[in-house]
Amino acid sequence: MTSLIHLAILSAWFVAQPDVFRAEKVEPLRFKPVVELFTKMTEIHPMKIHARCVVFGLGEAYKANDHVESIIIVTEDPPRLAVSFVISGGYGMNFVGEFFEAPWFTRAESEEFHRLLYGPQGHSSARFDRFGLDFSRIETPEWHFISMSFGPPKALPPRTD
């Protein structure tokens, strides 16, 4: 009887634990859901460049000084999907962080994105089970330029670290 009680307690504890102990279920990374996420986050409709490229301009784009605080570009060229950010200030960095936490990324993938974001500037790549990532980041005193290109894992050269 005591063993059954211990088993019940252990089972309840396991169910209450975070996804570290279970396989994560993630949605596939696709153009349309990414565009829908940014449309919802920014509360604006993007400018359509062509069927698989949209641009979100945020900030004071339509005021007299014509200053744009953030630009988000989403492009799909199968099998690759690219998301680029041109950001001034913390306002735009919120969009980057929310994108990293989107439902199509696992916790480990999100953590790697944050590591790349706060690591050295320049270009790097990462391999995951589901995709490969080309990541570039450049900063100036006023702007952050971040480019992420997702593709098949075999499309990237082997990691050297």
N, C-alpha and C. Protein backbone atom coordinates (compact mmCIF):
# COMPACT_ATOMS: atom_id res chain seq x y z
N MET A 1 0.81 -1.19 0.00
CA MET A 1 0.00 0.00 0.00
C MET A 1 0.86 1.26 0.00
N THR A 2 1.92 1.26 0.80
CA THR A 2 2.83 2.40 0.87
C THR A 2 3.49 2.64 -0.48
N SER A 3 3.82 1.56 -1.18
CA SER A 3 4.43 1.69 -2.51
C SER A 3 3.48 2.36 -3.49
N LEU A 4 2.20 2.04 -3.40
CA LEU A 4 1.22 2.67 -4.28
C LEU A 4 1.09 4.17 -3.98
N ILE A 5 1.15 4.54 -2.72
CA ILE A 5 1.08 5.95 -2.34
C ILE A 5 2.30 6.69 -2.87
N HIS A 6 3.47 6.08 -2.68
CA HIS A 6 4.70 6.70 -3.21
C HIS A 6 4.65 6.83 -4.72
N LEU A 7 4.14 5.82 -5.40
CA LEU A 7 4.02 5.86 -6.85
C LEU A 7 3.06 6.98 -7.28
N ALA A 8 1.96 7.13 -6.56
CA ALA A 8 0.99 8.18 -6.88
C ALA A 8 1.61 9.57 -6.67
N ILE A 9 2.35 9.74 -5.59
CA ILE A 9 3.01 11.02 -5.31
C ILE A 9 4.06 11.32 -6.38
N LEU A 10 4.86 10.33 -6.72
CA LEU A 10 5.88 10.50 -7.75
C LEU A 10 5.25 10.82 -9.10
N SER A 11 4.16 10.15 -9.44
CA SER A 11 3.46 10.42 -10.71
C SER A 11 2.92 11.84 -10.74
N ALA A 12 2.32 12.29 -9.64
CA ALA A 12 1.79 13.66 -9.57
C ALA A 12 2.92 14.67 -9.70
N TRP A 13 4.07 14.41 -9.06
CA TRP A 13 5.22 15.30 -9.16
C TRP A 13 5.70 15.38 -10.60
N PHE A 14 5.82 14.24 -11.28
CA PHE A 14 6.30 14.20 -12.65
C PHE A 14 5.38 15.00 -13.57
N VAL A 15 4.08 14.85 -13.44
CA VAL A 15 3.11 15.56 -14.28
C VAL A 15 3.23 17.07 -14.06
N ALA A 16 3.55 17.49 -12.84
CA ALA A 16 3.63 18.91 -12.53
C ALA A 16 4.94 19.55 -12.98
N GLN A 17 5.91 18.77 -13.42
CA GLN A 17 7.21 19.31 -13.78
C GLN A 17 7.17 19.99 -15.15
N PRO A 18 8.12 20.90 -15.39
CA PRO A 18 8.19 21.56 -16.69
C PRO A 18 8.55 20.56 -17.78
N ASP A 19 8.50 21.05 -19.02
CA ASP A 19 8.71 20.19 -20.18
C ASP A 19 10.11 19.58 -20.28
N VAL A 20 10.98 19.89 -19.31
CA VAL A 20 12.33 19.32 -19.34
C VAL A 20 12.27 17.79 -19.35
N PHE A 21 11.26 17.22 -18.69
CA PHE A 21 11.15 15.78 -18.57
C PHE A 21 10.31 15.15 -19.67
N ARG A 22 9.74 15.96 -20.54
CA ARG A 22 8.89 15.45 -21.60
C ARG A 22 9.35 16.01 -22.93
N ALA A 23 9.02 15.33 -23.99
CA ALA A 23 9.33 15.84 -25.32
C ALA A 23 8.49 17.08 -25.58
N GLU A 24 9.13 18.11 -26.13
CA GLU A 24 8.40 19.33 -26.44
C GLU A 24 7.67 19.17 -27.76
N LYS A 25 6.46 19.68 -27.79
CA LYS A 25 5.70 19.71 -29.04
C LYS A 25 5.77 21.13 -29.58
N VAL A 26 6.30 21.27 -30.77
CA VAL A 26 6.42 22.59 -31.38
C VAL A 26 5.75 22.59 -32.74
N GLU A 27 5.28 23.76 -33.12
CA GLU A 27 4.67 23.91 -34.43
C GLU A 27 5.77 24.03 -35.48
N PRO A 28 5.47 23.71 -36.73
CA PRO A 28 6.48 23.88 -37.78
C PRO A 28 6.74 25.37 -38.04
N LEU A 29 7.97 25.68 -38.36
CA LEU A 29 8.37 27.05 -38.68
C LEU A 29 7.98 27.33 -40.13
N ARG A 30 6.99 28.19 -40.34
CA ARG A 30 6.46 28.49 -41.67
C ARG A 30 6.25 30.01 -41.83
N PHE A 31 6.26 30.44 -43.07
CA PHE A 31 6.13 31.86 -43.42
C PHE A 31 4.85 32.48 -42.85
N LYS A 32 3.70 31.91 -43.16
CA LYS A 32 2.42 32.51 -42.78
C LYS A 32 2.27 32.69 -41.27
N PRO A 33 2.56 31.67 -40.43
CA PRO A 33 2.44 31.89 -38.97
C PRO A 33 3.42 32.94 -38.43
N VAL A 34 4.62 33.04 -39.04
CA VAL A 34 5.57 34.06 -38.60
C VAL A 34 5.00 35.44 -38.91
N VAL A 35 4.47 35.62 -40.11
CA VAL A 35 3.86 36.91 -40.48
C VAL A 35 2.68 37.21 -39.57
N GLU A 36 1.85 36.21 -39.29
CA GLU A 36 0.71 36.42 -38.40
C GLU A 36 1.16 36.82 -36.99
N LEU A 37 2.25 36.23 -36.50
CA LEU A 37 2.77 36.59 -35.18
C LEU A 37 3.18 38.06 -35.14
N PHE A 38 3.94 38.51 -36.14
CA PHE A 38 4.38 39.91 -36.16
C PHE A 38 3.21 40.86 -36.39
N THR A 39 2.21 40.44 -37.17
CA THR A 39 1.02 41.27 -37.36
C THR A 39 0.30 41.46 -36.04
N LYS A 40 0.19 40.39 -35.27
CA LYS A 40 -0.47 40.47 -33.96
C LYS A 40 0.36 41.29 -32.98
N MET A 41 1.68 41.08 -32.95
CA MET A 41 2.55 41.80 -32.01
C MET A 41 2.61 43.29 -32.32
N THR A 42 2.70 43.64 -33.60
CA THR A 42 2.87 45.05 -33.98
C THR A 42 1.54 45.78 -34.15
N GLU A 43 0.47 45.02 -34.32
CA GLU A 43 -0.86 45.57 -34.56
C GLU A 43 -0.91 46.40 -35.85
N ILE A 44 -0.07 46.04 -36.83
CA ILE A 44 -0.13 46.67 -38.15
C ILE A 44 -0.07 45.58 -39.21
N HIS A 45 -0.56 45.90 -40.39
CA HIS A 45 -0.45 44.97 -41.51
C HIS A 45 0.84 45.28 -42.25
N PRO A 46 1.57 44.26 -42.63
CA PRO A 46 2.86 44.50 -43.29
C PRO A 46 2.68 44.98 -44.72
N MET A 47 3.74 45.61 -45.23
CA MET A 47 3.78 45.97 -46.64
C MET A 47 4.25 44.72 -47.40
N LYS A 48 3.48 44.32 -48.38
CA LYS A 48 3.81 43.12 -49.15
C LYS A 48 4.73 43.51 -50.31
N ILE A 49 5.92 42.95 -50.33
CA ILE A 49 6.87 43.20 -51.41
C ILE A 49 6.57 42.26 -52.57
N HIS A 50 6.40 41.01 -52.25
CA HIS A 50 5.91 39.99 -53.19
C HIS A 50 5.28 38.88 -52.36
N ALA A 51 4.86 37.80 -53.01
CA ALA A 51 4.09 36.75 -52.32
C ALA A 51 4.79 36.20 -51.09
N ARG A 52 6.10 36.20 -51.06
CA ARG A 52 6.83 35.59 -49.95
C ARG A 52 7.82 36.56 -49.29
N CYS A 53 7.48 37.84 -49.29
CA CYS A 53 8.32 38.84 -48.61
C CYS A 53 7.44 39.97 -48.11
N VAL A 54 7.49 40.22 -46.80
CA VAL A 54 6.74 41.32 -46.21
C VAL A 54 7.64 42.14 -45.31
N VAL A 55 7.25 43.41 -45.13
CA VAL A 55 8.03 44.34 -44.31
C VAL A 55 7.09 45.03 -43.33
N PHE A 56 7.49 45.03 -42.06
CA PHE A 56 6.77 45.75 -41.02
C PHE A 56 7.62 46.97 -40.66
N GLY A 57 7.07 48.17 -40.78
CA GLY A 57 7.75 49.39 -40.37
C GLY A 57 7.07 49.92 -39.12
N LEU A 58 7.83 50.09 -38.05
CA LEU A 58 7.26 50.49 -36.76
C LEU A 58 7.89 51.77 -36.26
N GLY A 59 7.16 52.47 -35.46
CA GLY A 59 7.68 53.69 -34.85
C GLY A 59 7.02 54.90 -35.42
N GLU A 60 7.79 55.90 -35.75
CA GLU A 60 7.28 57.17 -36.21
C GLU A 60 7.38 57.29 -37.73
N ALA A 61 7.14 56.24 -38.43
CA ALA A 61 7.35 56.20 -39.88
C ALA A 61 6.48 57.18 -40.63
N TYR A 62 5.34 57.55 -40.09
CA TYR A 62 4.42 58.38 -40.84
C TYR A 62 4.32 59.80 -40.29
N LYS A 63 5.25 60.19 -39.45
CA LYS A 63 5.27 61.56 -38.93
C LYS A 63 6.26 62.39 -39.73
N ALA A 64 6.25 63.68 -39.47
CA ALA A 64 7.05 64.62 -40.27
C ALA A 64 8.54 64.30 -40.28
N ASN A 65 9.07 63.81 -39.17
CA ASN A 65 10.51 63.55 -39.14
C ASN A 65 10.89 62.25 -39.85
N ASP A 66 9.92 61.43 -40.25
CA ASP A 66 10.11 60.21 -41.03
C ASP A 66 11.10 59.24 -40.37
N HIS A 67 11.11 59.22 -39.04
CA HIS A 67 12.02 58.33 -38.31
C HIS A 67 11.35 56.98 -38.07
N VAL A 68 11.99 55.90 -38.47
CA VAL A 68 11.47 54.56 -38.25
C VAL A 68 12.29 53.90 -37.14
N GLU A 69 11.63 53.47 -36.08
CA GLU A 69 12.35 52.86 -34.96
C GLU A 69 12.70 51.40 -35.21
N SER A 70 11.85 50.68 -35.94
CA SER A 70 12.10 49.26 -36.17
C SER A 70 11.55 48.84 -37.52
N ILE A 71 12.28 47.96 -38.15
CA ILE A 71 11.83 47.34 -39.39
C ILE A 71 12.01 45.84 -39.22
N ILE A 72 10.99 45.08 -39.57
CA ILE A 72 11.05 43.62 -39.53
C ILE A 72 10.76 43.12 -40.93
N ILE A 73 11.62 42.27 -41.45
CA ILE A 73 11.45 41.72 -42.79
C ILE A 73 11.34 40.21 -42.67
N VAL A 74 10.31 39.64 -43.28
CA VAL A 74 10.12 38.18 -43.29
C VAL A 74 10.11 37.75 -44.75
N THR A 75 10.99 36.83 -45.10
CA THR A 75 11.13 36.36 -46.48
C THR A 75 11.21 34.85 -46.50
N GLU A 76 10.55 34.26 -47.46
CA GLU A 76 10.64 32.81 -47.65
C GLU A 76 11.13 32.54 -49.07
N ASP A 77 12.16 31.74 -49.15
CA ASP A 77 12.69 31.24 -50.43
C ASP A 77 12.97 29.77 -50.18
N PRO A 78 11.92 28.92 -50.35
CA PRO A 78 12.05 27.51 -49.94
C PRO A 78 13.34 26.89 -50.42
N PRO A 79 14.01 26.17 -49.54
CA PRO A 79 13.56 25.73 -48.22
C PRO A 79 13.93 26.68 -47.09
N ARG A 80 14.38 27.91 -47.39
CA ARG A 80 14.84 28.82 -46.35
C ARG A 80 13.76 29.83 -45.97
N LEU A 81 13.77 30.21 -44.70
CA LEU A 81 12.92 31.27 -44.18
C LEU A 81 13.84 32.24 -43.46
N ALA A 82 13.75 33.53 -43.80
CA ALA A 82 14.62 34.54 -43.19
C ALA A 82 13.78 35.57 -42.46
N VAL A 83 14.26 35.96 -41.29
CA VAL A 83 13.65 37.03 -40.50
C VAL A 83 14.78 38.00 -40.15
N SER A 84 14.59 39.26 -40.53
CA SER A 84 15.61 40.28 -40.26
C SER A 84 14.99 41.43 -39.49
N PHE A 85 15.79 42.01 -38.60
CA PHE A 85 15.36 43.12 -37.76
C PHE A 85 16.35 44.27 -37.92
N VAL A 86 15.84 45.47 -38.09
CA VAL A 86 16.62 46.70 -38.03
C VAL A 86 15.95 47.50 -36.93
N ILE A 87 16.66 47.71 -35.82
CA ILE A 87 16.03 48.17 -34.59
C ILE A 87 16.81 49.32 -33.97
N SER A 88 16.07 50.32 -33.48
CA SER A 88 16.68 51.33 -32.63
C SER A 88 15.94 51.31 -31.30
N GLY A 89 16.68 51.13 -30.24
CA GLY A 89 16.08 51.15 -28.91
C GLY A 89 15.48 49.83 -28.46
N GLY A 90 15.08 49.81 -27.19
CA GLY A 90 14.53 48.61 -26.58
C GLY A 90 13.17 48.21 -27.11
N TYR A 91 12.44 49.17 -27.67
CA TYR A 91 11.11 48.88 -28.21
C TYR A 91 11.17 47.74 -29.22
N GLY A 92 12.07 47.82 -30.15
CA GLY A 92 12.19 46.78 -31.17
C GLY A 92 12.77 45.48 -30.66
N MET A 93 13.61 45.56 -29.63
CA MET A 93 14.20 44.33 -29.09
C MET A 93 13.13 43.44 -28.47
N ASN A 94 12.01 44.02 -28.04
CA ASN A 94 10.91 43.21 -27.53
C ASN A 94 10.39 42.25 -28.60
N PHE A 95 10.34 42.71 -29.85
CA PHE A 95 9.87 41.85 -30.94
C PHE A 95 10.83 40.69 -31.18
N VAL A 96 12.12 40.96 -31.05
CA VAL A 96 13.12 39.89 -31.21
C VAL A 96 12.92 38.84 -30.13
N GLY A 97 12.80 39.29 -28.88
CA GLY A 97 12.61 38.36 -27.77
C GLY A 97 11.34 37.54 -27.90
N GLU A 98 10.25 38.17 -28.31
CA GLU A 98 8.99 37.44 -28.48
C GLU A 98 9.09 36.44 -29.63
N PHE A 99 9.80 36.80 -30.68
CA PHE A 99 10.00 35.86 -31.78
C PHE A 99 10.78 34.63 -31.30
N PHE A 100 11.81 34.85 -30.48
CA PHE A 100 12.60 33.74 -29.95
C PHE A 100 11.75 32.79 -29.11
N GLU A 101 10.71 33.29 -28.49
CA GLU A 101 9.85 32.48 -27.62
C GLU A 101 8.60 31.95 -28.33
N ALA A 102 8.55 32.06 -29.64
CA ALA A 102 7.37 31.65 -30.41
C ALA A 102 7.15 30.14 -30.30
N PRO A 103 5.93 29.67 -30.58
CA PRO A 103 5.60 28.26 -30.37
C PRO A 103 6.28 27.29 -31.35
N TRP A 104 7.00 27.79 -32.31
CA TRP A 104 7.67 26.86 -33.24
C TRP A 104 9.13 26.63 -32.87
N PHE A 105 9.53 27.12 -31.69
CA PHE A 105 10.90 26.87 -31.21
C PHE A 105 10.86 26.12 -29.88
N THR A 106 11.78 25.18 -29.70
CA THR A 106 11.92 24.49 -28.43
C THR A 106 12.64 25.41 -27.44
N ARG A 107 12.63 25.03 -26.20
CA ARG A 107 13.34 25.80 -25.18
C ARG A 107 14.83 25.87 -25.50
N ALA A 108 15.42 24.76 -25.91
CA ALA A 108 16.85 24.74 -26.23
C ALA A 108 17.16 25.66 -27.41
N GLU A 109 16.30 25.66 -28.42
CA GLU A 109 16.51 26.54 -29.58
C GLU A 109 16.43 28.00 -29.15
N SER A 110 15.42 28.34 -28.34
CA SER A 110 15.28 29.72 -27.85
C SER A 110 16.50 30.15 -27.04
N GLU A 111 17.00 29.27 -26.20
CA GLU A 111 18.18 29.60 -25.41
C GLU A 111 19.39 29.84 -26.30
N GLU A 112 19.55 29.05 -27.35
CA GLU A 112 20.66 29.26 -28.28
C GLU A 112 20.52 30.60 -29.02
N PHE A 113 19.29 30.97 -29.39
CA PHE A 113 19.08 32.27 -30.05
C PHE A 113 19.51 33.40 -29.13
N HIS A 114 19.14 33.32 -27.85
CA HIS A 114 19.54 34.36 -26.89
C HIS A 114 21.06 34.39 -26.73
N ARG A 115 21.68 33.22 -26.70
CA ARG A 115 23.15 33.17 -26.59
C ARG A 115 23.79 33.88 -27.79
N LEU A 116 23.27 33.62 -28.99
CA LEU A 116 23.80 34.28 -30.19
C LEU A 116 23.54 35.79 -30.16
N LEU A 117 22.36 36.17 -29.70
CA LEU A 117 22.01 37.59 -29.66
C LEU A 117 22.93 38.37 -28.73
N TYR A 118 23.28 37.79 -27.59
CA TYR A 118 24.10 38.50 -26.62
C TYR A 118 25.57 38.11 -26.67
N GLY A 119 25.94 37.35 -27.70
CA GLY A 119 27.33 36.97 -27.91
C GLY A 119 28.04 38.01 -28.76
N PRO A 120 29.20 37.65 -29.27
CA PRO A 120 29.96 38.59 -30.10
C PRO A 120 29.21 38.94 -31.39
N GLN A 121 29.45 40.16 -31.87
CA GLN A 121 28.87 40.58 -33.13
C GLN A 121 29.47 39.77 -34.27
N GLY A 122 28.78 39.76 -35.39
CA GLY A 122 29.28 39.09 -36.57
C GLY A 122 28.35 37.98 -37.01
N HIS A 123 28.90 37.06 -37.77
CA HIS A 123 28.12 35.96 -38.33
C HIS A 123 28.47 34.65 -37.63
N SER A 124 27.45 33.85 -37.39
CA SER A 124 27.67 32.51 -36.85
C SER A 124 26.55 31.61 -37.35
N SER A 125 26.73 30.33 -37.13
CA SER A 125 25.69 29.38 -37.54
C SER A 125 25.47 28.39 -36.41
N ALA A 126 24.30 27.80 -36.41
CA ALA A 126 23.95 26.80 -35.40
C ALA A 126 23.18 25.68 -36.10
N ARG A 127 23.34 24.49 -35.58
CA ARG A 127 22.61 23.33 -36.10
C ARG A 127 21.68 22.82 -35.02
N PHE A 128 20.47 22.53 -35.45
CA PHE A 128 19.48 21.92 -34.56
C PHE A 128 18.97 20.67 -35.27
N ASP A 129 18.22 19.85 -34.57
CA ASP A 129 17.68 18.65 -35.21
C ASP A 129 16.76 18.98 -36.37
N ARG A 130 15.97 20.06 -36.22
CA ARG A 130 14.95 20.38 -37.22
C ARG A 130 15.42 21.33 -38.31
N PHE A 131 16.41 22.16 -38.03
CA PHE A 131 16.85 23.16 -39.01
C PHE A 131 18.25 23.64 -38.68
N GLY A 132 18.82 24.33 -39.65
CA GLY A 132 20.07 25.02 -39.44
C GLY A 132 19.78 26.51 -39.38
N LEU A 133 20.67 27.28 -38.77
CA LEU A 133 20.47 28.71 -38.61
C LEU A 133 21.74 29.46 -38.99
N ASP A 134 21.61 30.42 -39.89
CA ASP A 134 22.65 31.41 -40.14
C ASP A 134 22.22 32.65 -39.37
N PHE A 135 23.09 33.16 -38.51
CA PHE A 135 22.74 34.27 -37.63
C PHE A 135 23.78 35.36 -37.78
N SER A 136 23.32 36.58 -38.03
CA SER A 136 24.23 37.72 -38.13
C SER A 136 23.71 38.85 -37.24
N ARG A 137 24.65 39.52 -36.58
CA ARG A 137 24.28 40.65 -35.71
C ARG A 137 25.36 41.71 -35.80
N ILE A 138 24.91 42.93 -36.06
CA ILE A 138 25.80 44.08 -36.11
C ILE A 138 25.13 45.18 -35.28
N GLU A 139 25.93 45.89 -34.49
CA GLU A 139 25.42 46.99 -33.69
C GLU A 139 26.19 48.25 -34.00
N THR A 140 25.47 49.36 -34.03
CA THR A 140 26.08 50.69 -34.07
C THR A 140 25.58 51.39 -32.80
N PRO A 141 26.05 52.60 -32.52
CA PRO A 141 25.53 53.27 -31.32
C PRO A 141 24.02 53.47 -31.34
N GLU A 142 23.40 53.54 -32.52
CA GLU A 142 21.97 53.80 -32.59
C GLU A 142 21.14 52.63 -33.08
N TRP A 143 21.73 51.66 -33.73
CA TRP A 143 20.96 50.62 -34.40
C TRP A 143 21.48 49.22 -34.10
N HIS A 144 20.57 48.26 -34.16
CA HIS A 144 20.89 46.83 -34.10
C HIS A 144 20.40 46.22 -35.41
N PHE A 145 21.24 45.45 -36.06
CA PHE A 145 20.88 44.73 -37.28
C PHE A 145 21.00 43.24 -36.97
N ILE A 146 19.90 42.52 -37.07
CA ILE A 146 19.88 41.10 -36.74
C ILE A 146 19.24 40.36 -37.91
N SER A 147 19.93 39.35 -38.41
CA SER A 147 19.40 38.55 -39.51
C SER A 147 19.47 37.08 -39.13
N MET A 148 18.34 36.38 -39.30
CA MET A 148 18.26 34.95 -39.00
C MET A 148 17.73 34.25 -40.24
N SER A 149 18.47 33.29 -40.73
CA SER A 149 18.04 32.52 -41.89
C SER A 149 17.98 31.05 -41.51
N PHE A 150 16.78 30.48 -41.59
CA PHE A 150 16.54 29.09 -41.20
C PHE A 150 16.47 28.23 -42.46
N GLY A 151 17.11 27.09 -42.42
CA GLY A 151 17.08 26.16 -43.55
C GLY A 151 17.34 24.75 -43.09
N PRO A 152 17.47 23.83 -44.03
CA PRO A 152 17.76 22.44 -43.65
C PRO A 152 19.08 22.36 -42.89
N PRO A 153 19.19 21.49 -41.90
CA PRO A 153 20.42 21.40 -41.11
C PRO A 153 21.65 21.06 -41.96
N LYS A 154 21.48 20.27 -43.00
CA LYS A 154 22.63 19.89 -43.81
C LYS A 154 23.12 21.02 -44.71
N ALA A 155 22.36 22.10 -44.83
CA ALA A 155 22.76 23.22 -45.68
C ALA A 155 23.85 24.07 -45.04
N LEU A 156 24.12 23.87 -43.77
CA LEU A 156 25.12 24.67 -43.08
C LEU A 156 26.42 23.87 -42.92
N PRO A 157 27.55 24.56 -42.90
CA PRO A 157 28.81 23.85 -42.66
C PRO A 157 28.85 23.32 -41.23
N PRO A 158 29.67 22.31 -40.97
CA PRO A 158 29.74 21.75 -39.60
C PRO A 158 30.19 22.81 -38.60
N ARG A 159 29.65 22.74 -37.40
CA ARG A 159 30.06 23.67 -36.34
C ARG A 159 31.48 23.36 -35.91
N THR A 160 32.22 24.41 -35.55
CA THR A 160 33.60 24.23 -35.14
C THR A 160 33.79 24.36 -33.63
N ASP A 161 32.71 24.70 -32.89
CA ASP A 161 32.90 24.87 -31.45
C ASP A 161 32.56 23.63 -30.69
